[in-house]
Amino acid sequence: GWMPKEIEGLKVDYYQYLTYKIEDG
């Protein structure tokens, strides 16, 4: 479901991250 990022009306590539916090597995 990731959507393209738009900057100044131009669709661009971008870096994204997800950090999963793990507690007790």
PDBML (XML) file of the C-alpha atoms, coordinates in Angstrom:
<?xml version="1.0" encoding="UTF-8" ?>
<PDBx:datablock datablockName="MODEL"
   xmlns:PDBx="http://pdbml.pdb.org/schema/pdbx-v50.xsd"
   xmlns:xsi="http://www.w3.org/2001/XMLSchema-instance"
   xsi:schemaLocation="http://pdbml.pdb.org/schema/pdbx-v50.xsd pdbx-v50.xsd">
   <PDBx:atom_siteCategory>
      <PDBx:atom_site id="1">
         <PDBx:B_iso_or_equiv>0.00</PDBx:B_iso_or_equiv>
         <PDBx:Cartn_x>0.000</PDBx:Cartn_x>
         <PDBx:Cartn_y>0.000</PDBx:Cartn_y>
         <PDBx:Cartn_z>0.000</PDBx:Cartn_z>
         <PDBx:auth_asym_id>A</PDBx:auth_asym_id>
         <PDBx:auth_atom_id>CA</PDBx:auth_atom_id>
         <PDBx:auth_comp_id>GLY</PDBx:auth_comp_id>
         <PDBx:auth_seq_id>1</PDBx:auth_seq_id>
         <PDBx:group_PDB>ATOM</PDBx:group_PDB>
         <PDBx:label_alt_id xsi:nil="true" />
         <PDBx:label_asym_id>A</PDBx:label_asym_id>
         <PDBx:label_atom_id>CA</PDBx:label_atom_id>
         <PDBx:label_comp_id>GLY</PDBx:label_comp_id>
         <PDBx:label_entity_id>1</PDBx:label_entity_id>
         <PDBx:label_seq_id>1</PDBx:label_seq_id>
         <PDBx:occupancy>1.00</PDBx:occupancy>
         <PDBx:pdbx_PDB_model_num>1</PDBx:pdbx_PDB_model_num>
         <PDBx:type_symbol>C</PDBx:type_symbol>
      </PDBx:atom_site>
      <PDBx:atom_site id="2">
         <PDBx:B_iso_or_equiv>0.00</PDBx:B_iso_or_equiv>
         <PDBx:Cartn_x>2.950</PDBx:Cartn_x>
         <PDBx:Cartn_y>2.376</PDBx:Cartn_y>
         <PDBx:Cartn_z>-0.310</PDBx:Cartn_z>
         <PDBx:auth_asym_id>A</PDBx:auth_asym_id>
         <PDBx:auth_atom_id>CA</PDBx:auth_atom_id>
         <PDBx:auth_comp_id>TRP</PDBx:auth_comp_id>
         <PDBx:auth_seq_id>2</PDBx:auth_seq_id>
         <PDBx:group_PDB>ATOM</PDBx:group_PDB>
         <PDBx:label_alt_id xsi:nil="true" />
         <PDBx:label_asym_id>A</PDBx:label_asym_id>
         <PDBx:label_atom_id>CA</PDBx:label_atom_id>
         <PDBx:label_comp_id>TRP</PDBx:label_comp_id>
         <PDBx:label_entity_id>1</PDBx:label_entity_id>
         <PDBx:label_seq_id>2</PDBx:label_seq_id>
         <PDBx:occupancy>1.00</PDBx:occupancy>
         <PDBx:pdbx_PDB_model_num>1</PDBx:pdbx_PDB_model_num>
         <PDBx:type_symbol>C</PDBx:type_symbol>
      </PDBx:atom_site>
      <PDBx:atom_site id="3">
         <PDBx:B_iso_or_equiv>0.00</PDBx:B_iso_or_equiv>
         <PDBx:Cartn_x>2.138</PDBx:Cartn_x>
         <PDBx:Cartn_y>5.533</PDBx:Cartn_y>
         <PDBx:Cartn_z>-2.220</PDBx:Cartn_z>
         <PDBx:auth_asym_id>A</PDBx:auth_asym_id>
         <PDBx:auth_atom_id>CA</PDBx:auth_atom_id>
         <PDBx:auth_comp_id>MET</PDBx:auth_comp_id>
         <PDBx:auth_seq_id>3</PDBx:auth_seq_id>
         <PDBx:group_PDB>ATOM</PDBx:group_PDB>
         <PDBx:label_alt_id xsi:nil="true" />
         <PDBx:label_asym_id>A</PDBx:label_asym_id>
         <PDBx:label_atom_id>CA</PDBx:label_atom_id>
         <PDBx:label_comp_id>MET</PDBx:label_comp_id>
         <PDBx:label_entity_id>1</PDBx:label_entity_id>
         <PDBx:label_seq_id>3</PDBx:label_seq_id>
         <PDBx:occupancy>1.00</PDBx:occupancy>
         <PDBx:pdbx_PDB_model_num>1</PDBx:pdbx_PDB_model_num>
         <PDBx:type_symbol>C</PDBx:type_symbol>
      </PDBx:atom_site>
      <PDBx:atom_site id="4">
         <PDBx:B_iso_or_equiv>0.00</PDBx:B_iso_or_equiv>
         <PDBx:Cartn_x>4.532</PDBx:Cartn_x>
         <PDBx:Cartn_y>7.532</PDBx:Cartn_y>
         <PDBx:Cartn_z>-4.354</PDBx:Cartn_z>
         <PDBx:auth_asym_id>A</PDBx:auth_asym_id>
         <PDBx:auth_atom_id>CA</PDBx:auth_atom_id>
         <PDBx:auth_comp_id>PRO</PDBx:auth_comp_id>
         <PDBx:auth_seq_id>4</PDBx:auth_seq_id>
         <PDBx:group_PDB>ATOM</PDBx:group_PDB>
         <PDBx:label_alt_id xsi:nil="true" />
         <PDBx:label_asym_id>A</PDBx:label_asym_id>
         <PDBx:label_atom_id>CA</PDBx:label_atom_id>
         <PDBx:label_comp_id>PRO</PDBx:label_comp_id>
         <PDBx:label_entity_id>1</PDBx:label_entity_id>
         <PDBx:label_seq_id>4</PDBx:label_seq_id>
         <PDBx:occupancy>1.00</PDBx:occupancy>
         <PDBx:pdbx_PDB_model_num>1</PDBx:pdbx_PDB_model_num>
         <PDBx:type_symbol>C</PDBx:type_symbol>
      </PDBx:atom_site>
      <PDBx:atom_site id="5">
         <PDBx:B_iso_or_equiv>0.00</PDBx:B_iso_or_equiv>
         <PDBx:Cartn_x>5.826</PDBx:Cartn_x>
         <PDBx:Cartn_y>10.694</PDBx:Cartn_y>
         <PDBx:Cartn_z>-2.715</PDBx:Cartn_z>
         <PDBx:auth_asym_id>A</PDBx:auth_asym_id>
         <PDBx:auth_atom_id>CA</PDBx:auth_atom_id>
         <PDBx:auth_comp_id>LYS</PDBx:auth_comp_id>
         <PDBx:auth_seq_id>5</PDBx:auth_seq_id>
         <PDBx:group_PDB>ATOM</PDBx:group_PDB>
         <PDBx:label_alt_id xsi:nil="true" />
         <PDBx:label_asym_id>A</PDBx:label_asym_id>
         <PDBx:label_atom_id>CA</PDBx:label_atom_id>
         <PDBx:label_comp_id>LYS</PDBx:label_comp_id>
         <PDBx:label_entity_id>1</PDBx:label_entity_id>
         <PDBx:label_seq_id>5</PDBx:label_seq_id>
         <PDBx:occupancy>1.00</PDBx:occupancy>
         <PDBx:pdbx_PDB_model_num>1</PDBx:pdbx_PDB_model_num>
         <PDBx:type_symbol>C</PDBx:type_symbol>
      </PDBx:atom_site>
      <PDBx:atom_site id="6">
         <PDBx:B_iso_or_equiv>0.00</PDBx:B_iso_or_equiv>
         <PDBx:Cartn_x>5.119</PDBx:Cartn_x>
         <PDBx:Cartn_y>13.931</PDBx:Cartn_y>
         <PDBx:Cartn_z>-4.511</PDBx:Cartn_z>
         <PDBx:auth_asym_id>A</PDBx:auth_asym_id>
         <PDBx:auth_atom_id>CA</PDBx:auth_atom_id>
         <PDBx:auth_comp_id>GLU</PDBx:auth_comp_id>
         <PDBx:auth_seq_id>6</PDBx:auth_seq_id>
         <PDBx:group_PDB>ATOM</PDBx:group_PDB>
         <PDBx:label_alt_id xsi:nil="true" />
         <PDBx:label_asym_id>A</PDBx:label_asym_id>
         <PDBx:label_atom_id>CA</PDBx:label_atom_id>
         <PDBx:label_comp_id>GLU</PDBx:label_comp_id>
         <PDBx:label_entity_id>1</PDBx:label_entity_id>
         <PDBx:label_seq_id>6</PDBx:label_seq_id>
         <PDBx:occupancy>1.00</PDBx:occupancy>
         <PDBx:pdbx_PDB_model_num>1</PDBx:pdbx_PDB_model_num>
         <PDBx:type_symbol>C</PDBx:type_symbol>
      </PDBx:atom_site>
      <PDBx:atom_site id="7">
         <PDBx:B_iso_or_equiv>0.00</PDBx:B_iso_or_equiv>
         <PDBx:Cartn_x>7.376</PDBx:Cartn_x>
         <PDBx:Cartn_y>16.952</PDBx:Cartn_y>
         <PDBx:Cartn_z>-4.155</PDBx:Cartn_z>
         <PDBx:auth_asym_id>A</PDBx:auth_asym_id>
         <PDBx:auth_atom_id>CA</PDBx:auth_atom_id>
         <PDBx:auth_comp_id>ILE</PDBx:auth_comp_id>
         <PDBx:auth_seq_id>7</PDBx:auth_seq_id>
         <PDBx:group_PDB>ATOM</PDBx:group_PDB>
         <PDBx:label_alt_id xsi:nil="true" />
         <PDBx:label_asym_id>A</PDBx:label_asym_id>
         <PDBx:label_atom_id>CA</PDBx:label_atom_id>
         <PDBx:label_comp_id>ILE</PDBx:label_comp_id>
         <PDBx:label_entity_id>1</PDBx:label_entity_id>
         <PDBx:label_seq_id>7</PDBx:label_seq_id>
         <PDBx:occupancy>1.00</PDBx:occupancy>
         <PDBx:pdbx_PDB_model_num>1</PDBx:pdbx_PDB_model_num>
         <PDBx:type_symbol>C</PDBx:type_symbol>
      </PDBx:atom_site>
      <PDBx:atom_site id="8">
         <PDBx:B_iso_or_equiv>0.00</PDBx:B_iso_or_equiv>
         <PDBx:Cartn_x>6.498</PDBx:Cartn_x>
         <PDBx:Cartn_y>20.099</PDBx:Cartn_y>
         <PDBx:Cartn_z>-6.070</PDBx:Cartn_z>
         <PDBx:auth_asym_id>A</PDBx:auth_asym_id>
         <PDBx:auth_atom_id>CA</PDBx:auth_atom_id>
         <PDBx:auth_comp_id>GLU</PDBx:auth_comp_id>
         <PDBx:auth_seq_id>8</PDBx:auth_seq_id>
         <PDBx:group_PDB>ATOM</PDBx:group_PDB>
         <PDBx:label_alt_id xsi:nil="true" />
         <PDBx:label_asym_id>A</PDBx:label_asym_id>
         <PDBx:label_atom_id>CA</PDBx:label_atom_id>
         <PDBx:label_comp_id>GLU</PDBx:label_comp_id>
         <PDBx:label_entity_id>1</PDBx:label_entity_id>
         <PDBx:label_seq_id>8</PDBx:label_seq_id>
         <PDBx:occupancy>1.00</PDBx:occupancy>
         <PDBx:pdbx_PDB_model_num>1</PDBx:pdbx_PDB_model_num>
         <PDBx:type_symbol>C</PDBx:type_symbol>
      </PDBx:atom_site>
      <PDBx:atom_site id="9">
         <PDBx:B_iso_or_equiv>0.00</PDBx:B_iso_or_equiv>
         <PDBx:Cartn_x>4.058</PDBx:Cartn_x>
         <PDBx:Cartn_y>18.036</PDBx:Cartn_y>
         <PDBx:Cartn_z>-8.156</PDBx:Cartn_z>
         <PDBx:auth_asym_id>A</PDBx:auth_asym_id>
         <PDBx:auth_atom_id>CA</PDBx:auth_atom_id>
         <PDBx:auth_comp_id>GLY</PDBx:auth_comp_id>
         <PDBx:auth_seq_id>9</PDBx:auth_seq_id>
         <PDBx:group_PDB>ATOM</PDBx:group_PDB>
         <PDBx:label_alt_id xsi:nil="true" />
         <PDBx:label_asym_id>A</PDBx:label_asym_id>
         <PDBx:label_atom_id>CA</PDBx:label_atom_id>
         <PDBx:label_comp_id>GLY</PDBx:label_comp_id>
         <PDBx:label_entity_id>1</PDBx:label_entity_id>
         <PDBx:label_seq_id>9</PDBx:label_seq_id>
         <PDBx:occupancy>1.00</PDBx:occupancy>
         <PDBx:pdbx_PDB_model_num>1</PDBx:pdbx_PDB_model_num>
         <PDBx:type_symbol>C</PDBx:type_symbol>
      </PDBx:atom_site>
      <PDBx:atom_site id="10">
         <PDBx:B_iso_or_equiv>0.00</PDBx:B_iso_or_equiv>
         <PDBx:Cartn_x>6.725</PDBx:Cartn_x>
         <PDBx:Cartn_y>15.536</PDBx:Cartn_y>
         <PDBx:Cartn_z>-9.216</PDBx:Cartn_z>
         <PDBx:auth_asym_id>A</PDBx:auth_asym_id>
         <PDBx:auth_atom_id>CA</PDBx:auth_atom_id>
         <PDBx:auth_comp_id>LEU</PDBx:auth_comp_id>
         <PDBx:auth_seq_id>10</PDBx:auth_seq_id>
         <PDBx:group_PDB>ATOM</PDBx:group_PDB>
         <PDBx:label_alt_id xsi:nil="true" />
         <PDBx:label_asym_id>A</PDBx:label_asym_id>
         <PDBx:label_atom_id>CA</PDBx:label_atom_id>
         <PDBx:label_comp_id>LEU</PDBx:label_comp_id>
         <PDBx:label_entity_id>1</PDBx:label_entity_id>
         <PDBx:label_seq_id>10</PDBx:label_seq_id>
         <PDBx:occupancy>1.00</PDBx:occupancy>
         <PDBx:pdbx_PDB_model_num>1</PDBx:pdbx_PDB_model_num>
         <PDBx:type_symbol>C</PDBx:type_symbol>
      </PDBx:atom_site>
      <PDBx:atom_site id="11">
         <PDBx:B_iso_or_equiv>0.00</PDBx:B_iso_or_equiv>
         <PDBx:Cartn_x>6.517</PDBx:Cartn_x>
         <PDBx:Cartn_y>11.873</PDBx:Cartn_y>
         <PDBx:Cartn_z>-8.127</PDBx:Cartn_z>
         <PDBx:auth_asym_id>A</PDBx:auth_asym_id>
         <PDBx:auth_atom_id>CA</PDBx:auth_atom_id>
         <PDBx:auth_comp_id>LYS</PDBx:auth_comp_id>
         <PDBx:auth_seq_id>11</PDBx:auth_seq_id>
         <PDBx:group_PDB>ATOM</PDBx:group_PDB>
         <PDBx:label_alt_id xsi:nil="true" />
         <PDBx:label_asym_id>A</PDBx:label_asym_id>
         <PDBx:label_atom_id>CA</PDBx:label_atom_id>
         <PDBx:label_comp_id>LYS</PDBx:label_comp_id>
         <PDBx:label_entity_id>1</PDBx:label_entity_id>
         <PDBx:label_seq_id>11</PDBx:label_seq_id>
         <PDBx:occupancy>1.00</PDBx:occupancy>
         <PDBx:pdbx_PDB_model_num>1</PDBx:pdbx_PDB_model_num>
         <PDBx:type_symbol>C</PDBx:type_symbol>
      </PDBx:atom_site>
      <PDBx:atom_site id="12">
         <PDBx:B_iso_or_equiv>0.00</PDBx:B_iso_or_equiv>
         <PDBx:Cartn_x>9.866</PDBx:Cartn_x>
         <PDBx:Cartn_y>10.831</PDBx:Cartn_y>
         <PDBx:Cartn_z>-6.673</PDBx:Cartn_z>
         <PDBx:auth_asym_id>A</PDBx:auth_asym_id>
         <PDBx:auth_atom_id>CA</PDBx:auth_atom_id>
         <PDBx:auth_comp_id>VAL</PDBx:auth_comp_id>
         <PDBx:auth_seq_id>12</PDBx:auth_seq_id>
         <PDBx:group_PDB>ATOM</PDBx:group_PDB>
         <PDBx:label_alt_id xsi:nil="true" />
         <PDBx:label_asym_id>A</PDBx:label_asym_id>
         <PDBx:label_atom_id>CA</PDBx:label_atom_id>
         <PDBx:label_comp_id>VAL</PDBx:label_comp_id>
         <PDBx:label_entity_id>1</PDBx:label_entity_id>
         <PDBx:label_seq_id>12</PDBx:label_seq_id>
         <PDBx:occupancy>1.00</PDBx:occupancy>
         <PDBx:pdbx_PDB_model_num>1</PDBx:pdbx_PDB_model_num>
         <PDBx:type_symbol>C</PDBx:type_symbol>
      </PDBx:atom_site>
      <PDBx:atom_site id="13">
         <PDBx:B_iso_or_equiv>0.00</PDBx:B_iso_or_equiv>
         <PDBx:Cartn_x>11.624</PDBx:Cartn_x>
         <PDBx:Cartn_y>7.787</PDBx:Cartn_y>
         <PDBx:Cartn_z>-5.215</PDBx:Cartn_z>
         <PDBx:auth_asym_id>A</PDBx:auth_asym_id>
         <PDBx:auth_atom_id>CA</PDBx:auth_atom_id>
         <PDBx:auth_comp_id>ASP</PDBx:auth_comp_id>
         <PDBx:auth_seq_id>13</PDBx:auth_seq_id>
         <PDBx:group_PDB>ATOM</PDBx:group_PDB>
         <PDBx:label_alt_id xsi:nil="true" />
         <PDBx:label_asym_id>A</PDBx:label_asym_id>
         <PDBx:label_atom_id>CA</PDBx:label_atom_id>
         <PDBx:label_comp_id>ASP</PDBx:label_comp_id>
         <PDBx:label_entity_id>1</PDBx:label_entity_id>
         <PDBx:label_seq_id>13</PDBx:label_seq_id>
         <PDBx:occupancy>1.00</PDBx:occupancy>
         <PDBx:pdbx_PDB_model_num>1</PDBx:pdbx_PDB_model_num>
         <PDBx:type_symbol>C</PDBx:type_symbol>
      </PDBx:atom_site>
      <PDBx:atom_site id="14">
         <PDBx:B_iso_or_equiv>0.00</PDBx:B_iso_or_equiv>
         <PDBx:Cartn_x>12.109</PDBx:Cartn_x>
         <PDBx:Cartn_y>7.808</PDBx:Cartn_y>
         <PDBx:Cartn_z>-1.451</PDBx:Cartn_z>
         <PDBx:auth_asym_id>A</PDBx:auth_asym_id>
         <PDBx:auth_atom_id>CA</PDBx:auth_atom_id>
         <PDBx:auth_comp_id>TYR</PDBx:auth_comp_id>
         <PDBx:auth_seq_id>14</PDBx:auth_seq_id>
         <PDBx:group_PDB>ATOM</PDBx:group_PDB>
         <PDBx:label_alt_id xsi:nil="true" />
         <PDBx:label_asym_id>A</PDBx:label_asym_id>
         <PDBx:label_atom_id>CA</PDBx:label_atom_id>
         <PDBx:label_comp_id>TYR</PDBx:label_comp_id>
         <PDBx:label_entity_id>1</PDBx:label_entity_id>
         <PDBx:label_seq_id>14</PDBx:label_seq_id>
         <PDBx:occupancy>1.00</PDBx:occupancy>
         <PDBx:pdbx_PDB_model_num>1</PDBx:pdbx_PDB_model_num>
         <PDBx:type_symbol>C</PDBx:type_symbol>
      </PDBx:atom_site>
      <PDBx:atom_site id="15">
         <PDBx:B_iso_or_equiv>0.00</PDBx:B_iso_or_equiv>
         <PDBx:Cartn_x>13.584</PDBx:Cartn_x>
         <PDBx:Cartn_y>5.752</PDBx:Cartn_y>
         <PDBx:Cartn_z>1.349</PDBx:Cartn_z>
         <PDBx:auth_asym_id>A</PDBx:auth_asym_id>
         <PDBx:auth_atom_id>CA</PDBx:auth_atom_id>
         <PDBx:auth_comp_id>TYR</PDBx:auth_comp_id>
         <PDBx:auth_seq_id>15</PDBx:auth_seq_id>
         <PDBx:group_PDB>ATOM</PDBx:group_PDB>
         <PDBx:label_alt_id xsi:nil="true" />
         <PDBx:label_asym_id>A</PDBx:label_asym_id>
         <PDBx:label_atom_id>CA</PDBx:label_atom_id>
         <PDBx:label_comp_id>TYR</PDBx:label_comp_id>
         <PDBx:label_entity_id>1</PDBx:label_entity_id>
         <PDBx:label_seq_id>15</PDBx:label_seq_id>
         <PDBx:occupancy>1.00</PDBx:occupancy>
         <PDBx:pdbx_PDB_model_num>1</PDBx:pdbx_PDB_model_num>
         <PDBx:type_symbol>C</PDBx:type_symbol>
      </PDBx:atom_site>
      <PDBx:atom_site id="16">
         <PDBx:B_iso_or_equiv>0.00</PDBx:B_iso_or_equiv>
         <PDBx:Cartn_x>11.212</PDBx:Cartn_x>
         <PDBx:Cartn_y>4.447</PDBx:Cartn_y>
         <PDBx:Cartn_z>4.014</PDBx:Cartn_z>
         <PDBx:auth_asym_id>A</PDBx:auth_asym_id>
         <PDBx:auth_atom_id>CA</PDBx:auth_atom_id>
         <PDBx:auth_comp_id>GLN</PDBx:auth_comp_id>
         <PDBx:auth_seq_id>16</PDBx:auth_seq_id>
         <PDBx:group_PDB>ATOM</PDBx:group_PDB>
         <PDBx:label_alt_id xsi:nil="true" />
         <PDBx:label_asym_id>A</PDBx:label_asym_id>
         <PDBx:label_atom_id>CA</PDBx:label_atom_id>
         <PDBx:label_comp_id>GLN</PDBx:label_comp_id>
         <PDBx:label_entity_id>1</PDBx:label_entity_id>
         <PDBx:label_seq_id>16</PDBx:label_seq_id>
         <PDBx:occupancy>1.00</PDBx:occupancy>
         <PDBx:pdbx_PDB_model_num>1</PDBx:pdbx_PDB_model_num>
         <PDBx:type_symbol>C</PDBx:type_symbol>
      </PDBx:atom_site>
      <PDBx:atom_site id="17">
         <PDBx:B_iso_or_equiv>0.00</PDBx:B_iso_or_equiv>
         <PDBx:Cartn_x>11.755</PDBx:Cartn_x>
         <PDBx:Cartn_y>2.312</PDBx:Cartn_y>
         <PDBx:Cartn_z>7.076</PDBx:Cartn_z>
         <PDBx:auth_asym_id>A</PDBx:auth_asym_id>
         <PDBx:auth_atom_id>CA</PDBx:auth_atom_id>
         <PDBx:auth_comp_id>TYR</PDBx:auth_comp_id>
         <PDBx:auth_seq_id>17</PDBx:auth_seq_id>
         <PDBx:group_PDB>ATOM</PDBx:group_PDB>
         <PDBx:label_alt_id xsi:nil="true" />
         <PDBx:label_asym_id>A</PDBx:label_asym_id>
         <PDBx:label_atom_id>CA</PDBx:label_atom_id>
         <PDBx:label_comp_id>TYR</PDBx:label_comp_id>
         <PDBx:label_entity_id>1</PDBx:label_entity_id>
         <PDBx:label_seq_id>17</PDBx:label_seq_id>
         <PDBx:occupancy>1.00</PDBx:occupancy>
         <PDBx:pdbx_PDB_model_num>1</PDBx:pdbx_PDB_model_num>
         <PDBx:type_symbol>C</PDBx:type_symbol>
      </PDBx:atom_site>
      <PDBx:atom_site id="18">
         <PDBx:B_iso_or_equiv>0.00</PDBx:B_iso_or_equiv>
         <PDBx:Cartn_x>9.774</PDBx:Cartn_x>
         <PDBx:Cartn_y>0.349</PDBx:Cartn_y>
         <PDBx:Cartn_z>9.624</PDBx:Cartn_z>
         <PDBx:auth_asym_id>A</PDBx:auth_asym_id>
         <PDBx:auth_atom_id>CA</PDBx:auth_atom_id>
         <PDBx:auth_comp_id>LEU</PDBx:auth_comp_id>
         <PDBx:auth_seq_id>18</PDBx:auth_seq_id>
         <PDBx:group_PDB>ATOM</PDBx:group_PDB>
         <PDBx:label_alt_id xsi:nil="true" />
         <PDBx:label_asym_id>A</PDBx:label_asym_id>
         <PDBx:label_atom_id>CA</PDBx:label_atom_id>
         <PDBx:label_comp_id>LEU</PDBx:label_comp_id>
         <PDBx:label_entity_id>1</PDBx:label_entity_id>
         <PDBx:label_seq_id>18</PDBx:label_seq_id>
         <PDBx:occupancy>1.00</PDBx:occupancy>
         <PDBx:pdbx_PDB_model_num>1</PDBx:pdbx_PDB_model_num>
         <PDBx:type_symbol>C</PDBx:type_symbol>
      </PDBx:atom_site>
      <PDBx:atom_site id="19">
         <PDBx:B_iso_or_equiv>0.00</PDBx:B_iso_or_equiv>
         <PDBx:Cartn_x>11.255</PDBx:Cartn_x>
         <PDBx:Cartn_y>-0.446</PDBx:Cartn_y>
         <PDBx:Cartn_z>13.025</PDBx:Cartn_z>
         <PDBx:auth_asym_id>A</PDBx:auth_asym_id>
         <PDBx:auth_atom_id>CA</PDBx:auth_atom_id>
         <PDBx:auth_comp_id>THR</PDBx:auth_comp_id>
         <PDBx:auth_seq_id>19</PDBx:auth_seq_id>
         <PDBx:group_PDB>ATOM</PDBx:group_PDB>
         <PDBx:label_alt_id xsi:nil="true" />
         <PDBx:label_asym_id>A</PDBx:label_asym_id>
         <PDBx:label_atom_id>CA</PDBx:label_atom_id>
         <PDBx:label_comp_id>THR</PDBx:label_comp_id>
         <PDBx:label_entity_id>1</PDBx:label_entity_id>
         <PDBx:label_seq_id>19</PDBx:label_seq_id>
         <PDBx:occupancy>1.00</PDBx:occupancy>
         <PDBx:pdbx_PDB_model_num>1</PDBx:pdbx_PDB_model_num>
         <PDBx:type_symbol>C</PDBx:type_symbol>
      </PDBx:atom_site>
      <PDBx:atom_site id="20">
         <PDBx:B_iso_or_equiv>0.00</PDBx:B_iso_or_equiv>
         <PDBx:Cartn_x>9.673</PDBx:Cartn_x>
         <PDBx:Cartn_y>-3.275</PDBx:Cartn_y>
         <PDBx:Cartn_z>14.948</PDBx:Cartn_z>
         <PDBx:auth_asym_id>A</PDBx:auth_asym_id>
         <PDBx:auth_atom_id>CA</PDBx:auth_atom_id>
         <PDBx:auth_comp_id>TYR</PDBx:auth_comp_id>
         <PDBx:auth_seq_id>20</PDBx:auth_seq_id>
         <PDBx:group_PDB>ATOM</PDBx:group_PDB>
         <PDBx:label_alt_id xsi:nil="true" />
         <PDBx:label_asym_id>A</PDBx:label_asym_id>
         <PDBx:label_atom_id>CA</PDBx:label_atom_id>
         <PDBx:label_comp_id>TYR</PDBx:label_comp_id>
         <PDBx:label_entity_id>1</PDBx:label_entity_id>
         <PDBx:label_seq_id>20</PDBx:label_seq_id>
         <PDBx:occupancy>1.00</PDBx:occupancy>
         <PDBx:pdbx_PDB_model_num>1</PDBx:pdbx_PDB_model_num>
         <PDBx:type_symbol>C</PDBx:type_symbol>
      </PDBx:atom_site>
      <PDBx:atom_site id="21">
         <PDBx:B_iso_or_equiv>0.00</PDBx:B_iso_or_equiv>
         <PDBx:Cartn_x>10.126</PDBx:Cartn_x>
         <PDBx:Cartn_y>-3.018</PDBx:Cartn_y>
         <PDBx:Cartn_z>18.714</PDBx:Cartn_z>
         <PDBx:auth_asym_id>A</PDBx:auth_asym_id>
         <PDBx:auth_atom_id>CA</PDBx:auth_atom_id>
         <PDBx:auth_comp_id>LYS</PDBx:auth_comp_id>
         <PDBx:auth_seq_id>21</PDBx:auth_seq_id>
         <PDBx:group_PDB>ATOM</PDBx:group_PDB>
         <PDBx:label_alt_id xsi:nil="true" />
         <PDBx:label_asym_id>A</PDBx:label_asym_id>
         <PDBx:label_atom_id>CA</PDBx:label_atom_id>
         <PDBx:label_comp_id>LYS</PDBx:label_comp_id>
         <PDBx:label_entity_id>1</PDBx:label_entity_id>
         <PDBx:label_seq_id>21</PDBx:label_seq_id>
         <PDBx:occupancy>1.00</PDBx:occupancy>
         <PDBx:pdbx_PDB_model_num>1</PDBx:pdbx_PDB_model_num>
         <PDBx:type_symbol>C</PDBx:type_symbol>
      </PDBx:atom_site>
      <PDBx:atom_site id="22">
         <PDBx:B_iso_or_equiv>0.00</PDBx:B_iso_or_equiv>
         <PDBx:Cartn_x>10.425</PDBx:Cartn_x>
         <PDBx:Cartn_y>-6.511</PDBx:Cartn_y>
         <PDBx:Cartn_z>20.169</PDBx:Cartn_z>
         <PDBx:auth_asym_id>A</PDBx:auth_asym_id>
         <PDBx:auth_atom_id>CA</PDBx:auth_atom_id>
         <PDBx:auth_comp_id>ILE</PDBx:auth_comp_id>
         <PDBx:auth_seq_id>22</PDBx:auth_seq_id>
         <PDBx:group_PDB>ATOM</PDBx:group_PDB>
         <PDBx:label_alt_id xsi:nil="true" />
         <PDBx:label_asym_id>A</PDBx:label_asym_id>
         <PDBx:label_atom_id>CA</PDBx:label_atom_id>
         <PDBx:label_comp_id>ILE</PDBx:label_comp_id>
         <PDBx:label_entity_id>1</PDBx:label_entity_id>
         <PDBx:label_seq_id>22</PDBx:label_seq_id>
         <PDBx:occupancy>1.00</PDBx:occupancy>
         <PDBx:pdbx_PDB_model_num>1</PDBx:pdbx_PDB_model_num>
         <PDBx:type_symbol>C</PDBx:type_symbol>
      </PDBx:atom_site>
      <PDBx:atom_site id="23">
         <PDBx:B_iso_or_equiv>0.00</PDBx:B_iso_or_equiv>
         <PDBx:Cartn_x>9.488</PDBx:Cartn_x>
         <PDBx:Cartn_y>-7.253</PDBx:Cartn_y>
         <PDBx:Cartn_z>23.781</PDBx:Cartn_z>
         <PDBx:auth_asym_id>A</PDBx:auth_asym_id>
         <PDBx:auth_atom_id>CA</PDBx:auth_atom_id>
         <PDBx:auth_comp_id>GLU</PDBx:auth_comp_id>
         <PDBx:auth_seq_id>23</PDBx:auth_seq_id>
         <PDBx:group_PDB>ATOM</PDBx:group_PDB>
         <PDBx:label_alt_id xsi:nil="true" />
         <PDBx:label_asym_id>A</PDBx:label_asym_id>
         <PDBx:label_atom_id>CA</PDBx:label_atom_id>
         <PDBx:label_comp_id>GLU</PDBx:label_comp_id>
         <PDBx:label_entity_id>1</PDBx:label_entity_id>
         <PDBx:label_seq_id>23</PDBx:label_seq_id>
         <PDBx:occupancy>1.00</PDBx:occupancy>
         <PDBx:pdbx_PDB_model_num>1</PDBx:pdbx_PDB_model_num>
         <PDBx:type_symbol>C</PDBx:type_symbol>
      </PDBx:atom_site>
      <PDBx:atom_site id="24">
         <PDBx:B_iso_or_equiv>0.00</PDBx:B_iso_or_equiv>
         <PDBx:Cartn_x>9.544</PDBx:Cartn_x>
         <PDBx:Cartn_y>-10.809</PDBx:Cartn_y>
         <PDBx:Cartn_z>25.104</PDBx:Cartn_z>
         <PDBx:auth_asym_id>A</PDBx:auth_asym_id>
         <PDBx:auth_atom_id>CA</PDBx:auth_atom_id>
         <PDBx:auth_comp_id>ASP</PDBx:auth_comp_id>
         <PDBx:auth_seq_id>24</PDBx:auth_seq_id>
         <PDBx:group_PDB>ATOM</PDBx:group_PDB>
         <PDBx:label_alt_id xsi:nil="true" />
         <PDBx:label_asym_id>A</PDBx:label_asym_id>
         <PDBx:label_atom_id>CA</PDBx:label_atom_id>
         <PDBx:label_comp_id>ASP</PDBx:label_comp_id>
         <PDBx:label_entity_id>1</PDBx:label_entity_id>
         <PDBx:label_seq_id>24</PDBx:label_seq_id>
         <PDBx:occupancy>1.00</PDBx:occupancy>
         <PDBx:pdbx_PDB_model_num>1</PDBx:pdbx_PDB_model_num>
         <PDBx:type_symbol>C</PDBx:type_symbol>
      </PDBx:atom_site>
      <PDBx:atom_site id="25">
         <PDBx:B_iso_or_equiv>0.00</PDBx:B_iso_or_equiv>
         <PDBx:Cartn_x>9.740</PDBx:Cartn_x>
         <PDBx:Cartn_y>-12.123</PDBx:Cartn_y>
         <PDBx:Cartn_z>21.533</PDBx:Cartn_z>
         <PDBx:auth_asym_id>A</PDBx:auth_asym_id>
         <PDBx:auth_atom_id>CA</PDBx:auth_atom_id>
         <PDBx:auth_comp_id>GLY</PDBx:auth_comp_id>
         <PDBx:auth_seq_id>25</PDBx:auth_seq_id>
         <PDBx:group_PDB>ATOM</PDBx:group_PDB>
         <PDBx:label_alt_id xsi:nil="true" />
         <PDBx:label_asym_id>A</PDBx:label_asym_id>
         <PDBx:label_atom_id>CA</PDBx:label_atom_id>
         <PDBx:label_comp_id>GLY</PDBx:label_comp_id>
         <PDBx:label_entity_id>1</PDBx:label_entity_id>
         <PDBx:label_seq_id>25</PDBx:label_seq_id>
         <PDBx:occupancy>1.00</PDBx:occupancy>
         <PDBx:pdbx_PDB_model_num>1</PDBx:pdbx_PDB_model_num>
         <PDBx:type_symbol>C</PDBx:type_symbol>
      </PDBx:atom_site>
   </PDBx:atom_siteCategory>
</PDBx:datablock>
